[in-house]
Amino acid sequence: MAFEPAVVFPGVLFDGAQRYAKDADTATPAPSIIQEMGWSATLIPEADGGYGGRFNDLGSLIEGMAARAVNLPILTRCGIVPAMLGAAPAGAAVEGLRAQIAAGEACAEFAGPLTHRESRALPVLSSGTGGWTLAGNLESVELTAECSHILFNAVDAGSGAALVIQADAAQLAGRAASYATVEGRPVQSVDLNGLPLADANILARGDAATAMQSAGWRIAQAAIGADIVCTMNYALAETLRYLQERKQFGQALAQFQVLRHDAAKLYVIFESCKCLLMSSLRSLDGAKHPSESAAAFDLLGLYVREQAIEFAQAAIQLHGGMGMTQETLAARMATRLIALAFRYGDAYSHIKALGEFQGASGQ
């Protein structure tokens, strides 16, 4: 039962991320490393001072963290924010923020739901005599000390139009309550009720805002799929190592046929998810019709999210329940898989969207 995990997204970014993850394995990781290493500029075009990378480069960063189950806001700061800004209407505010992020002078965090599909309600923006005012809350915000800007979606109370809003992190002082997610990410719940905004805070509205949200959603689904696949890769290696080293009745657990069958199922799940991920990533190039591209990521999201939960449960069982001890790498990986299965959507939201796509296409 030999298995050596092959790197899914090889490259210099993976090497650097993996080295950091190994050093941070027994300590609380510092999100500031993202800005210090320039990782947030990975998907920003060279014309704006960024790295000009593709998804494989983002995948390298994700895999480096997944290899040791280290939680950093790579998804939001290196993926969603650059993708949304890249799809934003041309303007001084967008171009300035993009250039500041690329230069390491700004740190922008995405907060709240990406689309209306998610169960949490979007904040509502209302107009009054004194300008714009927000109502609502943002949950699971990784608002750390280095954050200078926060990006989130909202709805216009009057027209119901989609909005993308940028706010200075300083505006949220005293409005955040801290807590930890199930996988140990330190996050905040931000109370937006009564927060005043100016016209300059609204980056896009209507169709332009929807286009930004779609760009962020696609990169998020691809990144979550990549994180799940990469975590499975290293969790499988960790599980097989445990089965080979742990002995029962005088022989290694890896010699028991029933456990070998369970381990083989994990390998099949991993390879199936990996193949679907690589196929789905072609849709990021925009070659397909937008609805077909969305359907491709809905299919990916549905399959890998369901398989992530099954994989995590099986890995814990193969550890004889020891996987429930949070000090073990296997437990952190299993928890990571389960948490990813419910981030920015769940299996049900993808099933519903695929049903609507089939109905619209007459299939």
Protein backbone atom coordinates (compact mmCIF):
# COMPACT_ATOMS: atom_id res chain seq x y z
CA MET A 1 0.00 0.00 0.00
CA ALA A 2 2.61 2.50 -1.08
CA PHE A 3 1.48 5.99 -2.01
CA GLU A 4 3.63 9.05 -2.54
CA PRO A 5 1.58 12.23 -3.08
CA ALA A 6 2.47 13.89 -6.37
CA VAL A 7 2.21 17.68 -6.37
CA VAL A 8 -0.99 18.71 -8.14
CA PHE A 9 0.08 22.32 -8.80
CA PRO A 10 3.91 22.34 -8.92
CA GLY A 11 5.91 25.56 -9.12
CA VAL A 12 8.02 28.01 -7.16
CA LEU A 13 4.95 29.36 -5.39
CA PHE A 14 4.18 25.88 -4.09
CA ASP A 15 7.72 25.47 -2.78
CA GLY A 16 7.56 28.75 -0.88
CA ALA A 17 4.07 28.12 0.48
CA GLN A 18 4.91 24.59 1.60
CA ARG A 19 8.04 25.75 3.42
CA TYR A 20 6.03 28.37 5.27
CA ALA A 21 3.28 25.86 6.11
CA LYS A 22 5.82 23.45 7.63
CA ASP A 23 7.25 26.19 9.85
CA ALA A 24 3.77 27.37 10.85
CA ASP A 25 2.49 23.86 11.57
CA THR A 26 2.76 24.12 15.36
CA ALA A 27 2.09 27.86 15.68
CA THR A 28 -0.70 30.23 14.75
CA PRO A 29 -0.14 31.21 11.11
CA ALA A 30 0.22 34.94 10.40
CA PRO A 31 -2.02 36.19 7.55
CA SER A 32 0.43 39.07 7.06
CA ILE A 33 2.71 36.60 5.22
CA ILE A 34 0.37 36.88 2.22
CA GLN A 35 1.14 40.56 1.80
CA GLU A 36 4.81 40.21 2.75
CA MET A 37 5.41 37.51 0.13
CA GLY A 38 3.37 39.32 -2.52
CA TRP A 39 1.00 36.37 -2.91
CA SER A 40 -2.05 38.66 -3.15
CA ALA A 41 -0.66 39.94 -6.48
CA THR A 42 -0.59 36.47 -8.03
CA LEU A 43 -3.66 36.95 -10.27
CA ILE A 44 -3.24 40.70 -10.81
CA PRO A 45 -2.07 41.51 -14.38
CA GLU A 46 1.52 42.61 -14.95
CA ALA A 47 0.22 45.88 -16.41
CA ASP A 48 -1.06 46.71 -12.90
CA GLY A 49 2.20 45.66 -11.25
CA GLY A 50 1.07 42.14 -10.38
CA TYR A 51 2.50 38.70 -11.04
CA GLY A 52 0.19 38.08 -14.00
CA GLY A 53 -0.31 34.47 -12.97
CA ARG A 54 -2.95 31.93 -13.89
CA PHE A 55 -5.06 29.63 -11.74
CA ASN A 56 -2.26 27.06 -11.48
CA ASP A 57 -0.22 29.65 -9.59
CA LEU A 58 -3.07 30.24 -7.17
CA GLY A 59 -3.40 26.45 -6.92
CA SER A 60 0.25 26.24 -5.86
CA LEU A 61 -0.43 28.53 -2.89
CA ILE A 62 -3.56 26.59 -1.96
CA GLU A 63 -1.73 23.26 -2.15
CA GLY A 64 1.15 24.53 -0.02
CA MET A 65 -1.29 25.30 2.79
CA ALA A 66 -3.35 22.13 2.25
CA ALA A 67 -0.26 19.94 2.62
CA ARG A 68 -0.10 20.84 6.33
CA ALA A 69 -3.75 21.91 6.85
CA VAL A 70 -2.70 25.50 7.58
CA ASN A 71 -5.49 28.07 7.45
CA LEU A 72 -4.68 31.37 5.74
CA PRO A 73 -7.09 33.62 3.75
CA ILE A 74 -5.49 32.63 0.44
CA LEU A 75 -8.90 32.04 -1.17
CA THR A 76 -10.25 35.52 -0.48
CA ARG A 77 -7.16 37.74 -0.73
CA CYS A 78 -5.34 35.95 -3.57
CA GLY A 79 -8.35 34.61 -5.49
CA ILE A 80 -11.74 36.25 -5.00
CA VAL A 81 -10.61 39.87 -4.57
CA PRO A 82 -8.31 39.97 -7.65
CA ALA A 83 -10.91 38.12 -9.75
CA MET A 84 -13.67 40.56 -8.83
CA LEU A 85 -11.48 43.61 -9.35
CA GLY A 86 -10.40 42.21 -12.71
CA ALA A 87 -14.06 42.05 -13.80
CA ALA A 88 -14.94 45.48 -12.42
CA PRO A 89 -15.81 48.47 -14.63
CA ALA A 90 -12.80 50.65 -15.38
CA GLY A 91 -12.42 53.43 -12.85
CA ALA A 92 -9.89 55.23 -10.72
CA ALA A 93 -11.01 53.50 -7.51
CA VAL A 94 -10.67 49.97 -8.93
CA GLU A 95 -7.41 50.62 -10.75
CA GLY A 96 -5.94 52.38 -7.73
CA LEU A 97 -6.83 49.56 -5.34
CA ARG A 98 -5.49 46.92 -7.73
CA ALA A 99 -2.18 48.78 -8.05
CA GLN A 100 -1.94 49.25 -4.27
CA ILE A 101 -2.50 45.53 -3.67
CA ALA A 102 0.14 44.63 -6.26
CA ALA A 103 2.63 47.01 -4.62
CA GLY A 104 1.91 45.60 -1.16
CA GLU A 105 0.54 48.95 0.00
CA ALA A 106 -3.01 47.67 0.55
CA CYS A 107 -4.59 44.48 1.82
CA ALA A 108 -8.16 43.82 0.68
CA GLU A 109 -10.30 41.11 2.27
CA PHE A 110 -13.57 39.78 0.84
CA ALA A 111 -16.45 39.36 3.27
CA GLY A 112 -19.93 37.88 3.28
CA PRO A 113 -21.82 35.85 0.66
CA LEU A 114 -20.62 35.75 -2.94
CA THR A 115 -24.07 35.29 -4.46
CA HIS A 116 -27.75 35.13 -3.51
CA ARG A 117 -27.47 31.31 -3.55
CA GLU A 118 -25.98 31.23 -0.08
CA SER A 119 -28.25 31.00 2.92
CA ARG A 120 -26.93 34.16 4.58
CA ALA A 121 -28.64 37.39 3.56
CA LEU A 122 -26.77 40.09 1.68
CA PRO A 123 -26.43 43.51 3.34
CA VAL A 124 -28.95 46.12 2.17
CA LEU A 125 -27.99 49.65 1.09
CA SER A 126 -30.56 52.42 1.55
CA SER A 127 -30.49 56.09 0.55
CA GLY A 128 -31.39 58.83 2.96
CA THR A 129 -31.05 62.57 3.46
CA GLY A 130 -27.47 62.17 4.63
CA GLY A 131 -26.33 59.73 1.95
CA TRP A 132 -26.14 55.93 1.90
CA THR A 133 -26.66 53.69 4.92
CA LEU A 134 -26.12 49.96 5.32
CA ALA A 135 -28.18 47.38 7.17
CA GLY A 136 -27.19 43.80 7.88
CA ASN A 137 -24.22 41.75 9.02
CA LEU A 138 -21.14 40.08 7.57
CA GLU A 139 -20.19 36.67 8.97
CA SER A 140 -16.88 34.77 8.94
CA VAL A 141 -14.78 37.80 8.01
CA GLU A 142 -11.01 37.29 8.29
CA LEU A 143 -10.44 40.91 9.22
CA THR A 144 -6.86 41.02 10.51
CA ALA A 145 -4.61 43.91 11.53
CA GLU A 146 -3.04 44.35 8.10
CA CYS A 147 -6.39 44.70 6.28
CA SER A 148 -6.84 48.17 4.81
CA HIS A 149 -9.93 47.50 2.68
CA ILE A 150 -12.93 45.20 2.74
CA LEU A 151 -14.94 44.15 -0.32
CA PHE A 152 -18.47 42.77 -0.09
CA ASN A 153 -21.71 42.35 -2.02
CA ALA A 154 -24.97 44.09 -1.17
CA VAL A 155 -28.45 44.84 -2.51
CA ASP A 156 -30.00 48.23 -3.30
CA ALA A 157 -33.08 48.60 -1.08
CA GLY A 158 -34.92 50.68 -3.67
CA SER A 159 -34.31 48.85 -6.94
CA GLY A 160 -33.11 45.44 -5.74
CA ALA A 161 -30.04 45.83 -7.94
CA ALA A 162 -26.85 43.99 -7.09
CA LEU A 163 -24.03 46.08 -5.62
CA VAL A 164 -20.33 45.59 -4.95
CA ILE A 165 -19.05 47.79 -2.14
CA GLN A 166 -15.59 48.71 -0.97
CA ALA A 167 -15.06 50.11 2.51
CA ASP A 168 -12.02 51.10 4.50
CA ALA A 169 -11.28 48.64 7.29
CA ALA A 170 -11.00 51.58 9.67
CA GLN A 171 -14.71 52.26 9.15
CA LEU A 172 -15.50 48.94 10.84
CA ALA A 173 -13.66 49.72 14.08
CA GLY A 174 -15.73 48.65 17.06
CA ARG A 175 -18.23 46.75 14.90
CA ALA A 176 -16.55 43.31 14.87
CA ALA A 177 -16.97 40.39 17.30
CA SER A 178 -14.36 37.62 17.10
CA TYR A 179 -14.88 33.86 17.10
CA ALA A 180 -13.34 30.74 15.53
CA THR A 181 -14.72 28.54 12.77
CA VAL A 182 -14.94 24.76 13.00
CA GLU A 183 -11.57 24.38 11.28
CA GLY A 184 -9.95 26.94 13.56
CA ARG A 185 -9.95 30.05 11.37
CA PRO A 186 -10.06 33.21 13.55
CA VAL A 187 -12.87 35.30 12.07
CA GLN A 188 -15.21 38.14 12.96
CA SER A 189 -18.90 38.93 12.70
CA VAL A 190 -19.27 42.55 11.55
CA ASP A 191 -22.36 44.63 12.34
CA LEU A 192 -23.04 46.95 9.38
CA ASN A 193 -26.29 48.45 10.69
CA GLY A 194 -26.20 52.23 10.38
CA LEU A 195 -22.80 52.32 8.67
CA PRO A 196 -22.69 55.43 6.42
CA LEU A 197 -21.21 55.18 2.91
CA ALA A 198 -20.45 57.57 0.07
CA ASP A 199 -20.92 57.13 -3.68
CA ALA A 200 -17.19 56.37 -3.98
CA ASN A 201 -17.71 53.22 -1.88
CA ILE A 202 -19.92 51.66 -4.57
CA LEU A 203 -17.63 49.97 -7.10
CA ALA A 204 -20.40 48.56 -9.31
CA ARG A 205 -24.15 48.11 -9.52
CA GLY A 206 -26.58 46.11 -11.64
CA ASP A 207 -25.12 43.98 -14.43
CA ALA A 208 -21.58 45.22 -13.73
CA ALA A 209 -21.88 44.08 -10.10
CA THR A 210 -23.31 40.73 -11.19
CA ALA A 211 -20.33 40.25 -13.53
CA MET A 212 -17.94 40.90 -10.64
CA GLN A 213 -19.83 38.48 -8.41
CA SER A 214 -19.76 35.78 -11.12
CA ALA A 215 -16.01 36.19 -11.56
CA GLY A 216 -15.48 35.85 -7.82
CA TRP A 217 -17.84 32.86 -7.63
CA ARG A 218 -16.07 30.96 -10.42
CA ILE A 219 -12.63 31.44 -8.91
CA ALA A 220 -14.00 30.49 -5.48
CA GLN A 221 -15.52 27.22 -6.74
CA ALA A 222 -12.32 26.35 -8.61
CA ALA A 223 -10.19 27.19 -5.55
CA ILE A 224 -12.40 25.21 -3.16
CA GLY A 225 -12.27 22.25 -5.54
CA ALA A 226 -8.47 22.55 -5.70
CA ASP A 227 -8.23 22.79 -1.91
CA ILE A 228 -10.39 19.70 -1.45
CA VAL A 229 -8.38 17.69 -4.01
CA CYS A 230 -5.02 18.77 -2.58
CA THR A 231 -6.12 18.07 1.00
CA MET A 232 -7.31 14.60 -0.08
CA ASN A 233 -3.92 13.98 -1.69
CA TYR A 234 -1.93 14.58 1.49
CA ALA A 235 -4.59 13.13 3.81
CA LEU A 236 -4.43 9.88 1.83
CA ALA A 237 -0.65 9.74 2.26
CA GLU A 238 -1.02 10.45 5.99
CA THR A 239 -3.67 7.75 6.37
CA LEU A 240 -1.65 5.09 4.56
CA ARG A 241 1.43 5.96 6.62
CA TYR A 242 -0.63 5.43 9.77
CA LEU A 243 -1.95 2.06 8.54
CA GLN A 244 1.58 0.89 7.77
CA GLU A 245 3.04 1.98 11.11
CA ARG A 246 0.20 1.08 13.50
CA LYS A 247 0.12 -2.59 14.56
CA GLN A 248 -2.70 -4.77 15.87
CA PHE A 249 -2.53 -8.49 16.68
CA GLY A 250 1.15 -8.46 15.83
CA GLN A 251 0.84 -7.06 12.30
CA ALA A 252 0.46 -3.71 10.58
CA LEU A 253 -3.09 -2.48 10.01
CA ALA A 254 -2.22 -2.23 6.33
CA GLN A 255 -2.26 -6.02 6.17
CA PHE A 256 -5.96 -6.27 7.05
CA GLN A 257 -7.96 -6.75 3.86
CA VAL A 258 -11.04 -4.76 4.93
CA LEU A 259 -8.85 -1.75 5.73
CA ARG A 260 -7.02 -2.12 2.43
CA HIS A 261 -10.38 -1.97 0.64
CA ASP A 262 -11.33 1.21 2.51
CA ALA A 263 -7.98 2.77 1.66
CA ALA A 264 -8.50 1.87 -2.00
CA LYS A 265 -11.86 3.68 -1.93
CA LEU A 266 -10.11 6.81 -0.68
CA TYR A 267 -7.68 6.60 -3.59
CA VAL A 268 -10.54 6.26 -6.09
CA ILE A 269 -12.33 9.26 -4.57
CA PHE A 270 -9.16 11.36 -4.77
CA GLU A 271 -8.40 10.45 -8.38
CA SER A 272 -12.01 10.99 -9.48
CA CYS A 273 -12.14 14.44 -7.88
CA LYS A 274 -8.75 15.36 -9.33
CA CYS A 275 -9.78 14.40 -12.87
CA LEU A 276 -13.03 16.38 -12.64
CA LEU A 277 -11.16 19.39 -11.23
CA MET A 278 -8.63 19.44 -14.07
CA SER A 279 -11.41 19.14 -16.63
CA SER A 280 -13.46 21.92 -15.00
CA LEU A 281 -10.53 24.35 -14.85
CA ARG A 282 -10.71 24.68 -18.64
CA SER A 283 -13.94 26.64 -18.11
CA LEU A 284 -11.98 29.43 -16.40
CA ASP A 285 -10.59 30.48 -19.77
CA GLY A 286 -14.06 31.66 -20.81
CA ALA A 287 -14.27 29.45 -23.90
CA LYS A 288 -17.75 28.26 -22.93
CA HIS A 289 -20.99 30.20 -22.79
CA PRO A 290 -21.32 31.80 -19.32
CA SER A 291 -24.20 29.50 -18.34
CA GLU A 292 -22.25 26.42 -19.44
CA SER A 293 -19.19 27.61 -17.54
CA ALA A 294 -21.30 28.07 -14.40
CA ALA A 295 -22.82 24.62 -14.87
CA ALA A 296 -19.34 23.10 -15.12
CA PHE A 297 -18.41 24.57 -11.74
CA ASP A 298 -21.77 23.59 -10.27
CA LEU A 299 -21.06 20.00 -11.29
CA LEU A 300 -17.56 20.24 -9.81
CA GLY A 301 -18.88 21.79 -6.61
CA LEU A 302 -21.60 19.19 -6.20
CA TYR A 303 -19.30 16.21 -6.67
CA VAL A 304 -16.23 17.30 -4.70
CA ARG A 305 -18.27 18.65 -1.78
CA GLU A 306 -20.14 15.35 -1.37
CA GLN A 307 -16.94 13.34 -1.76
CA ALA A 308 -15.05 15.57 0.69
CA ILE A 309 -17.42 14.62 3.50
CA GLU A 310 -17.28 10.92 2.65
CA PHE A 311 -13.48 11.03 2.42
CA ALA A 312 -13.13 12.82 5.77
CA GLN A 313 -15.40 10.35 7.55
CA ALA A 314 -13.56 7.36 6.10
CA ALA A 315 -10.14 8.79 6.99
CA ILE A 316 -11.23 9.28 10.60
CA GLN A 317 -12.55 5.70 10.74
CA LEU A 318 -9.28 4.34 9.37
CA HIS A 319 -7.49 6.12 12.20
CA GLY A 320 -9.66 4.18 14.65
CA GLY A 321 -11.27 7.35 15.98
CA MET A 322 -7.88 8.92 16.72
CA GLY A 323 -8.60 11.32 13.90
CA MET A 324 -10.88 13.15 16.30
CA THR A 325 -7.83 14.39 18.22
CA GLN A 326 -7.19 17.88 16.85
CA GLU A 327 -3.45 17.64 17.50
CA THR A 328 -3.11 15.09 14.69
CA LEU A 329 -2.56 16.21 11.11
CA ALA A 330 -5.17 13.71 9.89
CA ALA A 331 -7.83 15.31 12.10
CA ARG A 332 -7.02 18.80 10.89
CA MET A 333 -7.21 17.61 7.29
CA ALA A 334 -10.55 15.85 7.87
CA THR A 335 -11.98 18.97 9.54
CA ARG A 336 -10.67 21.09 6.66
CA LEU A 337 -12.46 18.89 4.12
CA ILE A 338 -15.78 19.08 5.95
CA ALA A 339 -15.52 22.87 6.35
CA LEU A 340 -14.67 23.34 2.66
CA ALA A 341 -17.76 21.33 1.70
CA PHE A 342 -19.94 24.14 3.11
CA ARG A 343 -17.95 27.24 2.14
CA TYR A 344 -19.51 29.57 -0.44
CA GLY A 345 -22.34 27.14 -1.06
CA ASP A 346 -23.13 23.50 -0.47
CA ALA A 347 -24.15 20.45 -2.47
CA TYR A 348 -27.84 21.44 -2.41
CA SER A 349 -27.16 24.88 -3.93
CA HIS A 350 -25.29 23.22 -6.81
CA ILE A 351 -28.07 20.66 -7.38
CA LYS A 352 -30.65 23.44 -7.54
CA ALA A 353 -28.54 25.47 -9.99
CA LEU A 354 -27.94 22.45 -12.22
CA GLY A 355 -31.68 21.76 -12.27
CA GLU A 356 -32.36 25.34 -13.35
CA PHE A 357 -29.69 25.07 -16.06
CA GLN A 358 -31.22 21.88 -17.42
CA GLY A 359 -34.68 23.44 -17.39
CA ALA A 360 -33.48 26.54 -19.25
CA SER A 361 -31.65 24.47 -21.87
CA GLY A 362 -34.63 22.15 -22.37
CA GLN A 363 -32.72 19.01 -21.40
